[in-house]
Amino acid sequence: GGATPVLTVGDLQIDSAAHRVNWRGVAVELGPREYAVLEELARNAGRVLSREQLESRLYEWDRALDSNAIEVHIHHIRRKLAPQLIRTVRGVGYLLPRANTEV
């Protein structure tokens, strides 16, 4: 087999095969939905994703999403990793910058 697909965005590493997240070399425990949101942002690093785009990723998990589900997951991810890691772009959505090493 080949190498496991690891997404690296600055100081963030996501092992998409094992669903593991490392931030600055430290393993971080995320819930499955938090993980799904972060992985989607990482796959689109440098691009702003709307809440609708992120929600569509979560529909695999939960067809009855609360209207603020994405905000809640983003809040938890920021608390577990770094508050500035995910940027809110007002009226548009969320952005994971490509280079997050200065966060």
N, C-alpha and C. Protein backbone atom coordinates (compact mmCIF):
# COMPACT_ATOMS: atom_id res chain seq x y z
N GLY A 1 0.81 -1.21 0.00
CA GLY A 1 0.00 0.00 0.00
C GLY A 1 0.84 1.25 0.00
N GLY A 2 0.22 2.35 -0.39
CA GLY A 2 0.92 3.63 -0.42
C GLY A 2 0.94 4.28 0.94
N ALA A 3 1.51 5.46 1.00
CA ALA A 3 1.54 6.21 2.26
C ALA A 3 0.12 6.66 2.61
N THR A 4 -0.14 6.80 3.91
CA THR A 4 -1.47 7.27 4.29
C THR A 4 -1.60 8.73 3.87
N PRO A 5 -2.78 9.12 3.38
CA PRO A 5 -2.95 10.50 2.94
C PRO A 5 -2.99 11.44 4.14
N VAL A 6 -1.95 12.23 4.26
CA VAL A 6 -1.90 13.21 5.34
C VAL A 6 -1.98 14.59 4.74
N LEU A 7 -2.97 15.35 5.20
CA LEU A 7 -3.13 16.75 4.78
C LEU A 7 -2.28 17.61 5.70
N THR A 8 -1.43 18.45 5.15
CA THR A 8 -0.66 19.37 5.98
C THR A 8 -0.98 20.79 5.55
N VAL A 9 -1.44 21.58 6.51
CA VAL A 9 -1.72 22.99 6.25
C VAL A 9 -1.00 23.77 7.35
N GLY A 10 0.17 24.32 7.02
CA GLY A 10 0.94 25.02 8.04
C GLY A 10 1.30 24.07 9.17
N ASP A 11 0.91 24.42 10.40
CA ASP A 11 1.22 23.61 11.58
C ASP A 11 0.17 22.54 11.84
N LEU A 12 -0.81 22.43 10.96
CA LEU A 12 -1.90 21.48 11.14
C LEU A 12 -1.66 20.27 10.25
N GLN A 13 -1.79 19.08 10.84
CA GLN A 13 -1.69 17.84 10.06
C GLN A 13 -2.93 17.00 10.32
N ILE A 14 -3.52 16.53 9.24
CA ILE A 14 -4.73 15.70 9.34
C ILE A 14 -4.47 14.39 8.63
N ASP A 15 -4.54 13.30 9.37
CA ASP A 15 -4.42 11.97 8.80
C ASP A 15 -5.83 11.51 8.46
N SER A 16 -6.18 11.61 7.18
CA SER A 16 -7.57 11.36 6.80
C SER A 16 -7.92 9.87 6.85
N ALA A 17 -6.91 9.00 6.80
CA ALA A 17 -7.19 7.56 6.92
C ALA A 17 -7.55 7.20 8.36
N ALA A 18 -6.79 7.75 9.31
CA ALA A 18 -6.99 7.41 10.72
C ALA A 18 -7.90 8.41 11.43
N HIS A 19 -8.31 9.47 10.72
CA HIS A 19 -9.12 10.53 11.33
C HIS A 19 -8.42 11.12 12.56
N ARG A 20 -7.12 11.37 12.41
CA ARG A 20 -6.34 11.95 13.50
C ARG A 20 -5.89 13.35 13.12
N VAL A 21 -5.83 14.21 14.14
CA VAL A 21 -5.42 15.59 13.94
C VAL A 21 -4.23 15.89 14.84
N ASN A 22 -3.20 16.49 14.26
CA ASN A 22 -2.05 16.98 15.02
C ASN A 22 -1.94 18.48 14.82
N TRP A 23 -1.77 19.21 15.90
CA TRP A 23 -1.56 20.65 15.84
C TRP A 23 -0.22 20.93 16.50
N ARG A 24 0.73 21.44 15.71
CA ARG A 24 2.09 21.70 16.20
C ARG A 24 2.68 20.46 16.85
N GLY A 25 2.44 19.30 16.23
CA GLY A 25 3.03 18.06 16.70
C GLY A 25 2.32 17.41 17.87
N VAL A 26 1.22 18.02 18.30
CA VAL A 26 0.47 17.46 19.44
C VAL A 26 -0.86 16.90 18.92
N ALA A 27 -1.16 15.67 19.31
CA ALA A 27 -2.43 15.06 18.90
C ALA A 27 -3.59 15.78 19.58
N VAL A 28 -4.63 16.08 18.82
CA VAL A 28 -5.82 16.76 19.35
C VAL A 28 -7.03 15.86 19.13
N GLU A 29 -7.82 15.68 20.19
CA GLU A 29 -9.04 14.87 20.08
C GLU A 29 -10.19 15.73 19.59
N LEU A 30 -10.74 15.37 18.44
CA LEU A 30 -11.92 16.08 17.93
C LEU A 30 -13.06 15.08 17.80
N GLY A 31 -14.27 15.55 18.02
CA GLY A 31 -15.44 14.71 17.76
C GLY A 31 -15.57 14.49 16.26
N PRO A 32 -16.35 13.49 15.85
CA PRO A 32 -16.46 13.16 14.41
C PRO A 32 -16.95 14.33 13.56
N ARG A 33 -17.89 15.10 14.08
CA ARG A 33 -18.38 16.23 13.28
C ARG A 33 -17.36 17.36 13.24
N GLU A 34 -16.71 17.62 14.38
CA GLU A 34 -15.66 18.63 14.40
C GLU A 34 -14.56 18.25 13.40
N TYR A 35 -14.21 16.97 13.42
CA TYR A 35 -13.20 16.48 12.49
C TYR A 35 -13.64 16.72 11.04
N ALA A 36 -14.88 16.39 10.74
CA ALA A 36 -15.37 16.53 9.37
C ALA A 36 -15.31 17.99 8.91
N VAL A 37 -15.68 18.90 9.80
CA VAL A 37 -15.64 20.32 9.47
C VAL A 37 -14.20 20.76 9.22
N LEU A 38 -13.29 20.37 10.12
CA LEU A 38 -11.89 20.78 9.98
C LEU A 38 -11.27 20.18 8.73
N GLU A 39 -11.57 18.92 8.45
CA GLU A 39 -11.00 18.29 7.26
C GLU A 39 -11.47 19.00 5.99
N GLU A 40 -12.73 19.36 5.95
CA GLU A 40 -13.27 20.05 4.77
C GLU A 40 -12.58 21.40 4.59
N LEU A 41 -12.38 22.14 5.70
CA LEU A 41 -11.69 23.42 5.63
C LEU A 41 -10.24 23.22 5.16
N ALA A 42 -9.60 22.16 5.67
CA ALA A 42 -8.20 21.91 5.31
C ALA A 42 -8.07 21.53 3.84
N ARG A 43 -9.03 20.74 3.35
CA ARG A 43 -8.98 20.35 1.93
C ARG A 43 -9.14 21.57 1.03
N ASN A 44 -9.77 22.59 1.54
CA ASN A 44 -10.00 23.82 0.77
C ASN A 44 -9.22 24.98 1.35
N ALA A 45 -8.06 24.68 1.93
CA ALA A 45 -7.26 25.72 2.59
C ALA A 45 -7.03 26.90 1.65
N GLY A 46 -7.22 28.10 2.20
CA GLY A 46 -7.04 29.30 1.38
C GLY A 46 -8.31 29.72 0.67
N ARG A 47 -9.34 28.88 0.72
CA ARG A 47 -10.64 29.23 0.11
C ARG A 47 -11.68 29.40 1.19
N VAL A 48 -12.56 30.36 0.99
CA VAL A 48 -13.65 30.57 1.94
C VAL A 48 -14.77 29.57 1.63
N LEU A 49 -15.22 28.84 2.65
CA LEU A 49 -16.34 27.93 2.48
C LEU A 49 -17.56 28.51 3.18
N SER A 50 -18.69 28.46 2.51
CA SER A 50 -19.91 28.95 3.13
C SER A 50 -20.42 27.94 4.15
N ARG A 51 -21.29 28.41 5.03
CA ARG A 51 -21.88 27.50 6.01
C ARG A 51 -22.62 26.37 5.31
N GLU A 52 -23.27 26.70 4.16
CA GLU A 52 -24.00 25.68 3.42
C GLU A 52 -23.06 24.58 2.91
N GLN A 53 -21.89 24.98 2.43
CA GLN A 53 -20.94 23.99 1.94
C GLN A 53 -20.48 23.07 3.07
N LEU A 54 -20.23 23.65 4.24
CA LEU A 54 -19.80 22.84 5.38
C LEU A 54 -20.94 21.96 5.88
N GLU A 55 -22.15 22.51 5.87
CA GLU A 55 -23.30 21.72 6.31
C GLU A 55 -23.51 20.52 5.40
N SER A 56 -23.32 20.70 4.10
CA SER A 56 -23.55 19.58 3.19
C SER A 56 -22.58 18.45 3.49
N ARG A 57 -21.38 18.80 3.96
CA ARG A 57 -20.41 17.76 4.36
C ARG A 57 -20.92 17.01 5.59
N LEU A 58 -21.62 17.73 6.49
CA LEU A 58 -22.08 17.10 7.73
C LEU A 58 -23.36 16.32 7.56
N TYR A 59 -24.06 16.51 6.45
CA TYR A 59 -25.31 15.77 6.27
C TYR A 59 -25.07 14.27 6.26
N GLU A 60 -23.85 13.85 5.93
CA GLU A 60 -23.54 12.43 6.01
C GLU A 60 -23.75 11.92 7.44
N TRP A 61 -23.50 12.81 8.40
CA TRP A 61 -23.58 12.42 9.81
C TRP A 61 -24.98 12.58 10.36
N ASP A 62 -25.61 13.69 10.00
CA ASP A 62 -26.79 14.10 10.74
C ASP A 62 -27.71 14.89 9.83
N ARG A 63 -28.83 14.31 9.48
CA ARG A 63 -29.71 14.99 8.53
C ARG A 63 -30.48 16.14 9.19
N ALA A 64 -30.60 16.10 10.51
CA ALA A 64 -31.32 17.18 11.21
C ALA A 64 -30.31 18.08 11.90
N LEU A 65 -29.68 18.95 11.12
CA LEU A 65 -28.65 19.83 11.68
C LEU A 65 -29.31 21.07 12.29
N ASP A 66 -28.82 21.47 13.46
CA ASP A 66 -29.25 22.74 14.02
C ASP A 66 -28.73 23.86 13.15
N SER A 67 -29.44 24.99 13.16
CA SER A 67 -29.04 26.10 12.29
C SER A 67 -27.66 26.64 12.68
N ASN A 68 -27.28 26.46 13.94
CA ASN A 68 -25.97 26.99 14.36
C ASN A 68 -24.95 25.88 14.57
N ALA A 69 -25.22 24.69 14.01
CA ALA A 69 -24.33 23.54 14.23
C ALA A 69 -22.90 23.87 13.80
N ILE A 70 -22.75 24.49 12.63
CA ILE A 70 -21.40 24.78 12.12
C ILE A 70 -20.67 25.72 13.08
N GLU A 71 -21.35 26.78 13.53
CA GLU A 71 -20.72 27.73 14.45
C GLU A 71 -20.24 27.01 15.72
N VAL A 72 -21.06 26.10 16.21
CA VAL A 72 -20.71 25.37 17.43
C VAL A 72 -19.46 24.52 17.21
N HIS A 73 -19.42 23.80 16.08
CA HIS A 73 -18.26 22.95 15.79
C HIS A 73 -17.00 23.80 15.62
N ILE A 74 -17.13 24.92 14.90
CA ILE A 74 -15.98 25.81 14.68
C ILE A 74 -15.47 26.33 16.04
N HIS A 75 -16.41 26.68 16.91
CA HIS A 75 -16.04 27.18 18.24
C HIS A 75 -15.22 26.13 18.99
N HIS A 76 -15.67 24.88 18.94
CA HIS A 76 -14.96 23.80 19.63
C HIS A 76 -13.58 23.57 19.03
N ILE A 77 -13.49 23.59 17.71
CA ILE A 77 -12.20 23.39 17.04
C ILE A 77 -11.23 24.50 17.46
N ARG A 78 -11.72 25.75 17.46
CA ARG A 78 -10.86 26.87 17.84
C ARG A 78 -10.37 26.71 19.27
N ARG A 79 -11.26 26.25 20.15
CA ARG A 79 -10.91 26.12 21.56
C ARG A 79 -9.85 25.03 21.73
N LYS A 80 -9.95 23.96 20.94
CA LYS A 80 -9.03 22.83 21.10
C LYS A 80 -7.69 23.07 20.39
N LEU A 81 -7.70 23.88 19.33
CA LEU A 81 -6.47 24.11 18.57
C LEU A 81 -5.94 25.52 18.82
N ALA A 82 -6.49 26.48 18.11
CA ALA A 82 -6.07 27.87 18.30
C ALA A 82 -7.21 28.78 17.87
N PRO A 83 -7.51 29.82 18.65
CA PRO A 83 -8.66 30.67 18.34
C PRO A 83 -8.60 31.29 16.94
N GLN A 84 -7.40 31.64 16.49
CA GLN A 84 -7.27 32.34 15.20
C GLN A 84 -7.12 31.39 14.02
N LEU A 85 -7.11 30.08 14.31
CA LEU A 85 -6.85 29.11 13.23
C LEU A 85 -7.87 29.24 12.10
N ILE A 86 -9.13 29.33 12.46
CA ILE A 86 -10.19 29.43 11.45
C ILE A 86 -10.71 30.86 11.46
N ARG A 87 -10.66 31.49 10.30
CA ARG A 87 -11.13 32.87 10.20
C ARG A 87 -12.59 32.88 9.81
N THR A 88 -13.33 33.80 10.41
CA THR A 88 -14.71 34.03 9.99
C THR A 88 -14.71 35.16 8.98
N VAL A 89 -15.26 34.92 7.80
CA VAL A 89 -15.41 35.95 6.79
C VAL A 89 -16.87 36.37 6.81
N ARG A 90 -17.13 37.54 7.38
CA ARG A 90 -18.51 37.96 7.65
C ARG A 90 -19.38 37.90 6.40
N GLY A 91 -20.53 37.27 6.55
CA GLY A 91 -21.49 37.20 5.45
C GLY A 91 -21.12 36.20 4.37
N VAL A 92 -19.96 35.55 4.51
CA VAL A 92 -19.55 34.60 3.49
C VAL A 92 -19.39 33.20 4.07
N GLY A 93 -18.51 33.07 5.05
CA GLY A 93 -18.30 31.74 5.62
C GLY A 93 -17.01 31.68 6.42
N TYR A 94 -16.29 30.58 6.27
CA TYR A 94 -15.10 30.32 7.09
C TYR A 94 -13.91 29.99 6.21
N LEU A 95 -12.74 30.32 6.73
CA LEU A 95 -11.51 30.16 5.97
C LEU A 95 -10.43 29.59 6.87
N LEU A 96 -9.76 28.56 6.37
CA LEU A 96 -8.55 28.05 7.02
C LEU A 96 -7.38 28.53 6.15
N PRO A 97 -6.61 29.52 6.64
CA PRO A 97 -5.51 30.04 5.81
C PRO A 97 -4.48 28.95 5.55
N ARG A 98 -3.84 29.02 4.37
CA ARG A 98 -2.83 28.02 4.00
C ARG A 98 -1.67 28.01 4.97
N ALA A 99 -1.17 29.19 5.31
CA ALA A 99 -0.06 29.28 6.25
C ALA A 99 -0.62 29.73 7.59
N ASN A 100 -0.73 28.78 8.52
CA ASN A 100 -1.29 29.15 9.84
C ASN A 100 -0.19 29.09 10.89
N THR A 101 1.08 29.21 10.45
CA THR A 101 2.19 29.04 11.38
C THR A 101 2.32 30.24 12.33
N GLU A 102 1.79 31.39 11.94
CA GLU A 102 1.89 32.55 12.84
C GLU A 102 0.73 32.62 13.83
N VAL A 103 -0.21 31.71 13.74
CA VAL A 103 -1.40 31.75 14.61
C VAL A 103 -0.98 31.75 16.07
